[in-house]
Protein backbone atom coordinates (compact mmCIF):
# COMPACT_ATOMS: atom_id res chain seq x y z
CA MET A 1 0.05 0.06 -0.15
CA THR A 2 1.00 3.40 -1.24
CA GLY A 3 3.07 5.05 2.29
CA LYS A 4 3.43 1.96 4.30
CA THR A 5 6.37 0.22 5.59
CA THR A 6 6.40 -3.93 5.19
CA LYS A 7 9.28 -6.44 6.18
CA LYS A 8 11.68 -8.10 3.77
CA ASN A 9 13.61 -10.61 5.29
CA GLY A 10 13.12 -9.10 8.69
CA LYS A 11 14.71 -5.10 7.52
CA PRO A 12 11.92 -2.62 6.82
CA SER A 13 11.53 -1.54 3.34
CA ARG A 14 9.69 1.47 1.61
CA SER A 15 6.29 0.79 -0.34
CA SER A 16 5.69 0.78 -4.19
CA THR A 17 5.93 4.97 -4.01
CA SER A 18 9.52 4.81 -2.40
CA THR A 19 10.03 1.97 -4.76
CA LYS A 20 9.13 4.11 -8.02
CA SER A 21 10.93 6.96 -6.58
CA GLY A 22 14.00 4.88 -7.55
CA GLY A 23 12.99 4.21 -11.08
CA LYS A 24 13.18 5.90 -14.46
CA GLY A 25 11.07 8.64 -12.78
CA GLY A 26 13.25 9.24 -10.04
CA GLY A 27 16.88 9.14 -11.66
CA LYS A 28 16.96 12.57 -12.30
CA PRO A 29 16.55 13.95 -8.64
CA LYS A 30 19.19 11.37 -7.41
CA LYS A 31 21.97 12.96 -10.41
CA THR A 32 20.64 16.43 -9.67
CA ALA A 33 21.78 15.86 -5.84
CA ALA A 34 25.22 14.60 -6.78
CA LYS A 35 25.87 17.46 -8.42
CA THR A 36 25.09 19.92 -6.10
CA GLY A 37 26.66 17.93 -3.49
CA ARG A 38 29.95 18.34 -5.79
CA LYS A 39 29.33 21.84 -5.57
CA ARG A 40 29.00 22.39 -2.32
CA SER A 41 31.87 20.33 -1.47
CA SER A 42 34.15 22.57 -3.72
CA ARG A 43 32.77 26.00 -2.63
CA LYS A 44 33.56 24.31 1.01
CA VAL A 45 37.71 23.41 -0.17
CA PHE A 46 37.65 27.05 -1.83
CA SER A 47 36.44 29.03 1.24
CA LYS A 48 38.99 26.84 3.27
CA LEU A 49 41.59 27.42 1.07
CA TRP A 50 40.54 31.42 1.14
CA VAL A 51 40.72 31.74 4.73
CA MET A 52 44.51 29.58 5.11
CA LEU A 53 45.57 32.13 2.37
CA MET A 54 44.02 35.02 4.68
CA ALA A 55 45.49 33.80 7.50
CA ALA A 56 48.90 33.16 5.87
CA ALA A 57 48.83 36.94 4.60
CA THR A 58 48.10 38.20 8.05
CA GLY A 59 50.93 36.23 9.50
CA LEU A 60 53.29 37.25 7.25
CA THR A 61 52.43 41.06 7.54
CA ALA A 62 52.45 40.94 11.33
CA ILE A 63 56.24 38.89 11.19
CA THR A 64 57.31 41.81 8.67
CA LEU A 65 56.05 44.54 11.29
CA VAL A 66 57.98 43.34 13.79
CA TRP A 67 61.03 42.71 12.22
CA ALA A 68 60.90 45.76 11.03
CA LEU A 69 60.48 47.33 14.34
CA SER A 70 63.38 45.40 15.52
CA LEU A 71 65.61 47.07 13.08
CA SER A 72 64.56 50.78 13.39
CA PRO A 73 66.68 52.43 15.90
CA VAL A 74 64.88 54.18 19.00
CA ASP A 75 66.18 57.29 20.53
CA THR A 76 66.19 56.50 24.26
CA LEU A 77 66.64 60.02 25.17
CA SER A 78 64.26 61.82 22.65
CA THR A 79 61.32 61.81 25.83
CA ASP A 80 63.67 63.08 28.41
CA ILE A 81 65.88 65.58 26.82
CA ALA A 82 64.67 66.11 23.50
CA THR A 83 65.25 69.76 23.72
CA ILE A 84 69.26 70.11 24.63
CA ASP A 85 71.94 70.27 23.45
CA LYS A 86 73.83 67.05 23.68
CA PRO A 87 77.27 66.34 23.96
CA VAL A 88 79.69 65.73 21.44
CA SER A 89 80.21 62.29 20.70
CA ALA A 90 83.17 61.32 18.21
CA PRO A 91 86.05 59.22 18.45
CA ALA A 92 89.25 61.38 19.02
CA PRO A 93 91.12 62.90 15.79
CA THR A 94 92.74 59.72 13.90
CA SER A 95 96.58 61.24 14.32
CA SER A 96 96.29 61.21 18.32
CA PRO A 97 97.94 58.17 19.96
CA GLN A 98 94.95 56.95 21.49
CA SER A 99 92.55 56.90 18.99
CA VAL A 100 94.44 53.75 17.25
CA SER A 101 94.17 51.07 19.64
CA ARG A 102 91.13 52.15 22.10
CA PRO A 103 87.35 51.59 20.67
CA ALA A 104 84.71 54.19 20.66
CA PRO A 105 82.62 54.96 23.40
CA THR A 106 79.35 53.48 24.27
CA GLN A 107 76.31 55.79 23.84
CA PRO A 108 75.51 56.95 27.45
CA ALA A 109 71.64 55.43 28.62
CA LYS A 110 68.91 57.27 29.52
CA VAL A 111 69.12 60.05 31.68
CA ALA A 112 68.99 59.01 35.32
CA SER A 113 66.10 60.92 38.26
CA LEU A 114 67.87 62.59 41.26
CA LYS A 115 66.57 59.69 42.77
CA THR A 116 69.22 57.49 41.82
CA PRO A 117 72.38 57.30 44.04
CA ALA A 118 75.31 59.46 42.51
CA PRO A 119 78.12 57.75 40.78
CA ALA A 120 81.79 58.86 41.85
CA ASN A 121 82.13 61.18 38.56
CA HIS A 122 79.65 63.96 37.51
CA VAL A 123 76.96 62.30 35.60
CA ARG A 124 73.88 64.69 34.39
CA ALA A 125 70.67 63.68 36.61
CA ARG A 126 67.00 64.66 36.79
CA ILE A 127 64.90 65.07 39.89
CA ALA A 128 61.43 63.66 39.34
CA PRO A 129 58.36 65.90 40.62
CA ASP A 130 56.69 63.42 41.93
CA ALA A 131 56.74 63.67 45.85
CA ALA A 132 56.89 59.85 45.64
CA PRO A 133 60.52 58.74 44.79
CA PRO A 134 60.57 55.18 42.71
CA PRO A 135 63.14 52.65 43.62
CA PRO A 136 66.89 53.29 42.78
CA SER A 137 68.49 53.10 39.30
CA HIS A 138 72.16 52.46 38.62
CA ARG A 139 71.74 53.97 34.74
CA GLN A 140 74.08 56.87 34.19
CA GLY A 141 72.96 60.18 32.79
CA LEU A 142 74.79 62.27 29.98
CA VAL A 143 78.19 63.08 30.38
CA TYR A 144 79.30 66.72 30.40
CA GLU A 145 82.17 66.69 32.46
CA VAL A 146 84.37 64.20 33.88
CA PHE A 147 85.95 64.45 37.15
CA ASP A 148 88.88 63.41 39.31
CA THR A 149 87.39 60.68 41.77
CA GLU A 150 89.45 61.76 44.76
CA LEU A 151 88.42 65.37 44.40
CA LEU A 152 87.03 66.22 48.17
CA GLU A 153 84.66 68.78 46.62
CA GLN A 154 82.82 66.20 44.54
CA GLN A 155 81.87 64.16 48.03
CA VAL A 156 80.59 67.69 49.17
CA LYS A 157 78.43 68.16 45.45
CA GLU A 158 76.98 64.96 46.49
CA VAL A 159 75.73 65.90 50.10
CA ASP A 160 74.39 69.30 48.42
CA LEU A 161 72.28 66.81 46.24
CA ALA A 162 71.18 64.76 49.07
CA LEU A 163 70.03 68.11 50.73
CA VAL A 164 68.16 69.46 47.73
CA GLN A 165 66.35 66.27 47.17
CA THR A 166 65.04 66.66 50.50
CA ILE A 167 64.04 70.09 50.16
CA MET A 168 61.93 68.87 46.98
CA GLU A 169 60.68 65.60 48.43
CA LEU A 170 59.17 67.57 51.44
CA ASN A 171 57.65 70.32 49.12
CA LEU A 172 59.82 73.38 50.96
CA ASP A 173 59.96 76.25 49.80
CA PRO A 174 63.23 76.76 48.30
CA ARG A 175 63.51 80.66 49.25
CA SER A 176 63.09 79.36 52.84
CA VAL A 177 66.60 78.30 52.61
CA ARG A 178 69.29 80.74 53.22
CA HIS A 179 72.72 80.77 52.63
CA LEU A 180 74.79 82.26 56.14
CA ASP A 181 78.27 81.57 54.79
CA ILE A 182 80.21 79.59 52.97
CA GLN A 183 83.92 79.08 53.28
CA MET A 184 86.83 77.57 50.98
CA LYS A 185 89.32 75.22 52.71
CA THR A 186 92.06 72.84 51.71
CA ARG A 187 92.95 69.05 52.70
CA ASN A 188 95.87 67.58 51.34
CA GLY A 189 96.11 70.05 48.51
CA GLN A 190 92.37 70.02 47.65
CA LYS A 191 90.25 72.43 47.76
CA TYR A 192 86.29 72.24 49.28
CA HIS A 193 83.54 74.28 50.35
CA THR A 194 82.15 73.98 54.06
CA GLN A 195 78.57 75.60 54.18
CA SER A 196 76.29 76.64 56.73
CA LEU A 197 72.46 77.17 56.24
CA ALA A 198 69.37 78.18 57.58
CA ILE A 199 66.26 76.20 56.41
CA GLY A 200 62.54 76.96 57.23
CA LEU A 201 60.52 73.85 57.62
CA ASP A 202 56.56 73.80 57.72
CA ARG A 203 56.64 70.45 59.93
CA ASP A 204 58.93 68.72 62.74
CA ALA A 205 62.49 68.86 62.32
CA ARG A 206 62.64 64.92 63.00
CA SER A 207 60.61 64.42 59.82
CA PHE A 208 63.48 66.42 57.52
CA GLU A 209 66.30 64.62 59.32
CA GLN A 210 64.55 61.41 58.51
CA THR A 211 64.36 62.44 55.01
CA LEU A 212 67.85 63.77 54.57
CA ARG A 213 69.83 60.85 56.16
CA ARG A 214 67.82 58.42 53.62
CA ASN A 215 69.00 60.35 50.55
CA LEU A 216 72.66 60.73 52.29
CA GLU A 217 72.59 57.03 52.43
CA LEU A 218 71.55 57.14 48.51
CA TRP A 219 73.82 59.66 47.25
CA VAL A 220 76.71 59.63 49.44
CA HIS A 221 79.23 57.39 50.68
CA ASN A 222 80.92 57.37 54.16
CA ALA A 223 78.97 60.71 55.29
CA GLU A 224 77.93 61.28 58.82
CA LEU A 225 74.68 63.02 59.58
CA ARG A 226 74.19 63.90 63.76
CA GLN A 227 72.37 66.45 65.84
CA ILE A 228 74.45 68.95 67.45
CA ASN A 229 71.70 71.18 69.37
CA GLY A 230 68.27 70.82 69.89
CA GLY A 231 65.96 72.61 71.29
CA PRO A 232 62.19 74.00 71.09
CA GLY A 233 61.19 74.87 67.37
CA LYS A 234 64.83 74.85 66.39
CA GLN A 235 67.59 72.12 65.81
CA GLU A 236 71.31 72.03 64.63
CA LEU A 237 72.65 69.34 62.32
CA ARG A 238 76.22 68.65 61.08
CA ILE A 239 77.26 66.53 58.14
CA SER A 240 80.46 65.32 57.91
CA LEU A 241 82.85 63.51 55.47
CA LEU A 242 85.67 62.02 55.92
CA ASN A 243 85.53 62.94 59.89
CA LEU A 244 85.76 66.95 58.30
CA PRO A 245 82.75 68.94 59.00
CA THR A 246 81.26 70.11 55.70
CA HIS A 247 77.67 71.28 56.17
CA THR A 248 76.10 72.77 59.12
CA LEU A 249 72.26 73.01 59.09
CA PHE A 250 69.96 75.25 61.25
CA LEU A 251 66.55 74.13 61.20
CA GLU A 252 63.86 76.27 62.15
CA GLU A 253 60.19 75.12 62.50
CA HIS A 254 58.54 78.17 62.32
CA ALA A 255 60.50 79.60 59.10
CA ARG A 256 60.89 83.15 59.02
CA LYS A 257 59.17 85.60 56.73
CA PRO A 258 61.76 86.60 53.43
CA LEU A 259 63.54 90.07 54.25
CA PRO A 260 63.00 92.90 51.92
CA PRO A 261 65.53 92.88 49.29
CA PRO A 262 68.56 94.82 50.02
CA SER A 263 69.57 97.94 48.16
CA PRO A 264 71.32 96.86 45.01
CA ALA A 265 75.17 97.47 44.32
CA GLN A 266 76.49 100.36 42.82
CA PRO A 267 78.11 99.70 39.69
CA GLY A 268 81.89 98.63 40.09
CA THR A 269 81.93 98.01 43.63
CA GLY A 270 80.46 94.84 45.61
CA PRO A 271 81.14 91.01 45.19
CA ARG A 272 81.32 89.88 41.19
CA LEU A 273 79.73 87.09 39.81
CA VAL A 274 80.41 85.67 36.42
CA VAL A 275 78.15 83.20 34.60
CA VAL A 276 79.71 81.14 32.07
CA ILE A 277 77.85 78.58 29.98
CA ASP A 278 79.50 75.65 28.64
CA ASP A 279 79.20 73.24 25.42
CA LEU A 280 77.40 76.07 23.21
CA GLY A 281 77.56 75.85 19.19
CA GLU A 282 74.50 73.85 18.46
CA ASN A 283 71.19 75.69 19.44
CA VAL A 284 71.11 78.87 18.15
CA HIS A 285 67.86 79.71 19.82
CA GLN A 286 69.22 79.33 22.92
CA ALA A 287 72.20 81.31 22.12
CA ARG A 288 69.95 84.28 21.20
CA GLU A 289 67.96 83.68 24.51
CA LEU A 290 71.29 83.92 26.78
CA ALA A 291 72.40 86.85 25.08
CA ALA A 292 68.94 88.20 25.64
CA LEU A 293 69.31 88.44 29.80
CA SER A 294 70.08 91.54 31.44
CA PHE A 295 73.04 90.40 32.85
CA PRO A 296 76.22 89.63 30.65
CA VAL A 297 76.60 85.70 30.17
CA THR A 298 80.16 84.77 29.00
CA PHE A 299 79.86 82.14 25.86
CA ALA A 300 82.05 79.26 26.10
CA VAL A 301 81.68 77.55 22.40
CA LEU A 302 82.88 74.20 21.18
CA PRO A 303 84.78 73.57 18.23
CA ASN A 304 83.41 71.76 14.78
CA ILE A 305 79.89 72.03 15.91
CA SER A 306 77.47 72.53 13.38
CA LYS A 307 76.31 75.83 14.29
CA SER A 308 79.92 77.39 16.39
CA ARG A 309 80.77 80.10 14.46
CA GLU A 310 76.92 81.50 14.60
CA VAL A 311 76.53 81.32 18.02
CA ALA A 312 80.16 83.03 18.57
CA ARG A 313 78.59 85.87 16.76
CA ILE A 314 75.64 86.20 18.01
CA GLY A 315 77.45 86.38 21.51
CA ALA A 316 79.71 88.67 20.32
CA ALA A 317 77.37 90.86 18.88
CA ALA A 318 75.17 91.16 21.99
CA GLY A 319 78.88 92.33 23.52
CA ARG A 320 79.04 89.05 25.54
CA ASP A 321 82.43 87.73 26.40
CA VAL A 322 83.26 84.58 23.89
CA LEU A 323 85.76 81.94 25.05
CA LEU A 324 87.18 78.82 22.79
CA HIS A 325 85.83 75.57 24.96
CA GLN A 326 88.62 73.27 24.04
CA PRO A 327 87.95 69.73 24.36
CA MET A 328 90.61 67.91 26.19
CA GLU A 329 91.56 64.09 26.94
CA PRO A 330 89.32 63.22 30.51
CA LEU A 331 90.47 60.36 32.81
CA ASP A 332 88.40 57.60 31.82
CA TYR A 333 88.43 58.24 28.24
CA PRO A 334 87.14 56.18 26.22
CA HIS A 335 85.57 53.98 28.43
CA ARG A 336 82.63 56.71 29.67
CA ALA A 337 82.99 59.94 27.88
CA ASP A 338 84.87 61.37 24.65
CA PRO A 339 85.58 64.66 24.49
CA GLY A 340 84.90 65.05 20.87
CA PRO A 341 86.36 66.47 17.77
CA GLY A 342 89.17 68.83 18.26
CA ALA A 343 90.50 67.40 21.19
CA LEU A 344 94.12 67.16 22.75
CA PHE A 345 95.64 64.17 24.38
CA VAL A 346 98.39 63.42 26.14
CA GLY A 347 101.18 61.97 24.02
CA MET A 348 100.65 64.20 21.01
CA GLU A 349 103.34 66.16 19.47
CA ASP A 350 103.55 69.86 20.57
CA GLU A 351 103.17 70.44 16.91
CA GLN A 352 100.23 68.53 16.70
CA ILE A 353 98.81 70.23 19.88
CA LEU A 354 99.34 73.52 18.05
CA ARG A 355 97.65 72.17 14.47
CA ILE A 356 94.57 71.55 16.07
CA LEU A 357 94.50 74.56 18.89
CA ARG A 358 95.19 76.99 16.20
CA ASN A 359 92.21 75.01 13.79
CA ASN A 360 89.92 75.41 16.76
CA LEU A 361 90.56 79.28 17.35
CA ALA A 362 90.25 79.62 13.90
CA GLN A 363 86.42 78.78 14.03
CA VAL A 364 85.92 81.13 16.99
CA PRO A 365 87.90 84.15 16.16
CA GLN A 366 85.64 86.24 18.83
CA ALA A 367 87.08 84.24 21.78
CA ILE A 368 89.30 86.29 24.26
CA GLY A 369 90.39 82.97 25.77
CA ILE A 370 89.86 79.72 26.25
CA ASN A 371 88.57 77.00 29.22
CA ASN A 372 88.90 73.06 29.31
CA HIS A 373 86.25 70.81 28.35
CA MET A 374 86.62 67.89 30.55
CA GLY A 375 90.17 67.58 30.41
CA SER A 376 90.81 66.02 33.74
CA ARG A 377 93.74 63.90 32.61
CA PHE A 378 95.19 66.72 30.17
CA THR A 379 95.20 69.80 32.30
CA ALA A 380 97.11 67.45 34.59
CA ASP A 381 99.92 66.85 32.24
CA GLU A 382 102.55 69.78 32.52
CA SER A 383 104.37 69.01 28.96
CA GLY A 384 100.79 69.34 27.00
CA MET A 385 99.83 72.34 29.42
CA SER A 386 102.62 74.13 28.52
CA THR A 387 102.24 74.30 25.15
CA VAL A 388 98.79 75.56 24.98
CA LEU A 389 99.32 78.18 27.77
CA GLN A 390 102.54 79.44 25.61
CA GLU A 391 100.82 79.54 22.63
CA LEU A 392 97.99 81.24 24.50
CA LYS A 393 100.26 83.78 25.74
CA ARG A 394 101.70 84.52 22.45
CA ARG A 395 98.10 85.26 21.36
CA ASP A 396 97.39 87.80 24.19
CA LEU A 397 94.48 85.38 25.60
CA PHE A 398 94.17 83.69 29.18
CA PHE A 399 93.21 80.33 30.50
CA LEU A 400 89.84 79.50 32.54
CA ASP A 401 90.25 75.98 34.32
CA SER A 402 87.09 74.58 34.69
CA LEU A 403 88.77 72.63 37.19
CA THR A 404 87.48 69.18 36.56
CA THR A 405 90.71 67.69 38.65
CA GLY A 406 92.75 68.23 41.89
CA ASP A 407 95.78 67.73 39.98
CA SER A 408 95.45 70.43 37.29
CA VAL A 409 98.77 71.95 36.69
CA ALA A 410 96.95 75.22 34.82
CA ASP A 411 97.81 77.49 37.67
CA GLU A 412 101.55 76.33 38.04
CA GLN A 413 102.10 76.43 34.25
CA ALA A 414 100.52 79.75 33.74
CA ARG A 415 102.20 81.44 36.77
CA LYS A 416 105.70 80.34 35.48
CA ILE A 417 104.98 82.24 31.85
CA GLY A 418 103.23 85.24 33.12
CA LEU A 419 99.82 84.00 31.77
CA GLU A 420 96.73 85.23 33.50
CA HIS A 421 94.54 82.44 34.24
CA LEU A 422 91.17 82.19 36.26
CA ARG A 423 89.49 79.08 38.17
CA ARG A 424 86.05 77.81 38.10
CA HIS A 425 84.22 77.93 41.67
CA ILE A 426 80.84 76.15 41.28
CA PHE A 427 78.93 74.23 38.83
CA LEU A 428 75.38 75.20 38.77
CA ASP A 429 73.73 72.25 37.43
CA ASN A 430 74.80 69.05 38.44
CA ILE A 431 71.33 68.26 38.28
CA PRO A 432 69.65 69.97 35.56
CA ASN A 433 66.49 71.03 37.69
CA VAL A 434 65.44 74.30 37.69
CA GLN A 435 65.08 74.61 41.60
CA ALA A 436 68.24 72.75 42.12
CA ILE A 437 70.27 75.54 40.05
CA LEU A 438 68.44 78.18 42.31
CA PHE A 439 70.06 76.62 44.90
CA GLN A 440 73.78 76.91 43.26
CA LEU A 441 73.06 80.20 41.99
CA ARG A 442 72.31 81.27 46.02
CA LYS A 443 74.87 79.48 46.93
CA ALA A 444 77.41 81.32 44.53
CA GLU A 445 76.05 84.63 45.85
CA GLN A 446 77.07 83.74 49.11
CA LEU A 447 80.65 82.64 48.11
CA ALA A 448 80.84 86.11 45.94
CA HIS A 449 79.84 87.83 49.49
CA ASN A 450 82.45 86.01 51.25
CA GLN A 451 85.53 86.07 48.72
CA GLY A 452 84.85 88.88 46.83
CA GLN A 453 84.27 87.40 43.30
CA VAL A 454 83.11 83.77 41.91
CA ILE A 455 83.43 82.23 38.60
CA ALA A 456 79.97 79.80 38.33
CA ILE A 457 79.62 77.62 35.20
CA GLY A 458 76.59 75.87 33.68
CA HIS A 459 75.73 73.91 30.49
CA PRO A 460 72.89 74.85 28.04
CA TYR A 461 70.07 72.51 29.51
CA PRO A 462 66.57 74.35 29.27
CA GLU A 463 66.23 73.73 32.54
CA THR A 464 69.60 76.20 33.47
CA LEU A 465 67.98 78.76 30.82
CA GLU A 466 64.88 78.71 32.88
CA ALA A 467 66.64 79.24 36.32
CA LEU A 468 68.68 81.81 35.30
CA LYS A 469 65.48 83.82 34.00
CA LEU A 470 63.58 83.27 37.57
CA TRP A 471 67.03 84.41 39.13
CA GLU A 472 67.20 87.67 36.86
CA ARG A 473 64.16 88.65 38.53
CA GLU A 474 64.88 87.63 42.47
CA ARG A 475 68.90 87.73 42.67
CA ASP A 476 70.96 89.36 45.18
CA GLN A 477 71.13 93.04 44.07
CA ARG A 478 74.00 93.64 45.91
CA ILE A 479 76.01 91.27 43.70
CA ASN A 480 77.62 92.77 40.57
CA VAL A 481 76.97 89.73 37.81
CA VAL A 482 79.81 90.96 35.48
CA SER A 483 81.58 89.81 32.22
CA LEU A 484 84.69 87.41 32.78
CA GLY A 485 86.90 90.09 30.98
CA SER A 486 86.37 92.50 33.73
CA LEU A 487 88.09 90.21 36.39
CA LEU A 488 91.42 90.18 34.32
CA SER A 489 93.71 92.83 35.25
CA ARG A 490 95.95 92.68 31.98
CA GLN A 491 99.24 92.35 33.52
CA SER A 492 101.40 89.49 34.43
CA LEU A 493 100.89 87.35 37.16
CA ALA A 494 104.55 87.10 37.65
CA GLU A 495 104.75 91.11 38.05
CA ARG A 496 102.46 90.91 41.14
């Protein structure tokens, strides 16, 4: 019967209607279904192939991008110091004995924050703006000057860094820190400063002492901090290095109101302060801003830099003194610092020294003298310095010793030949932070009151320029900021 199922050999089977469907009339549907199945199968295979091809193409693109990114140069400094003049880092002249066997110096790491413990030599560091300090890092910063590791003054400077760090961590008003006295002393032939400071606090003195003690441990080796006197609202702390007292701090829990500004000094009278900016020669805009300051800034221009001649012209046109910032060999060349092109090296023949020096002077014809860029090794070499200073005397130029080593022979050699020379007293921007630089400027002011004249050296950091602009408005008007040349007597030292 149609539509019913019957059993055949114990197995179910369809009725006649189902059987006819497999006959002549039902053949076409079977053939059509097979074709349809083959088409669907081919479409599935094609779709799978297409997906596989697209996946392969995507993977290949990703691999290519990763490979390209891994080859792309990454400027690790651009986010931190993109606007500053970078130090010259080029190998020494091929004619130098040192340049034959020594490898090129490695690129310095990213700039360290002030939270980093200070290394033995001067490195550039940065104060982080946040109150909470990050973990200490051991990365070194950009090297602008390299110092003798035995210099006692270097350790005094590290104490200053710890002190500035403490002031900023506690958000104290920098104007509440007053330099009461600064003295220049000598130990084993090394000169160093001792300081007395009054610090106004907006909190208890114990908090300040604990923070300072922690920062001293981070920054300074073998510094001793102890309380001398204590009383309600006032405490006295003393910091010693190698059993030598270097800093006396008077802590005032209720800060006194700032005194009214003193009357300005009469021109030609009172203490004198000179500001020298080293490492110029790359940034024309900064040169113009320095020239526009209301007080004179001495331009120390590096040779063989892209804008050296233009920067020197800008300084001279503004009536500023110009120096050749002569590169000289540092102690740890080439491991950590390279003085750059046009440098003088220990072991050079006199003729080579003179050829390089004369070529550099020709690039800065406005120079009234020279000072050393780095040079902690070369300025300690009697033979090389004698050759340099003799040439300066012949040209009626003078030498400013940046004093990057306590072993410098510049003073002795200059006196022998009757050449006028000067010496740096303070570096302004060991840490390029505006408040830290203002701290150094106030220190320079007090030192000028004590000894009559001071030479302070800074570098072309944006922070240094900003600090100078602030100091321009609030500086001690009893101090005359003068040109470097005004300190010269133009008489030979031998006749004094």
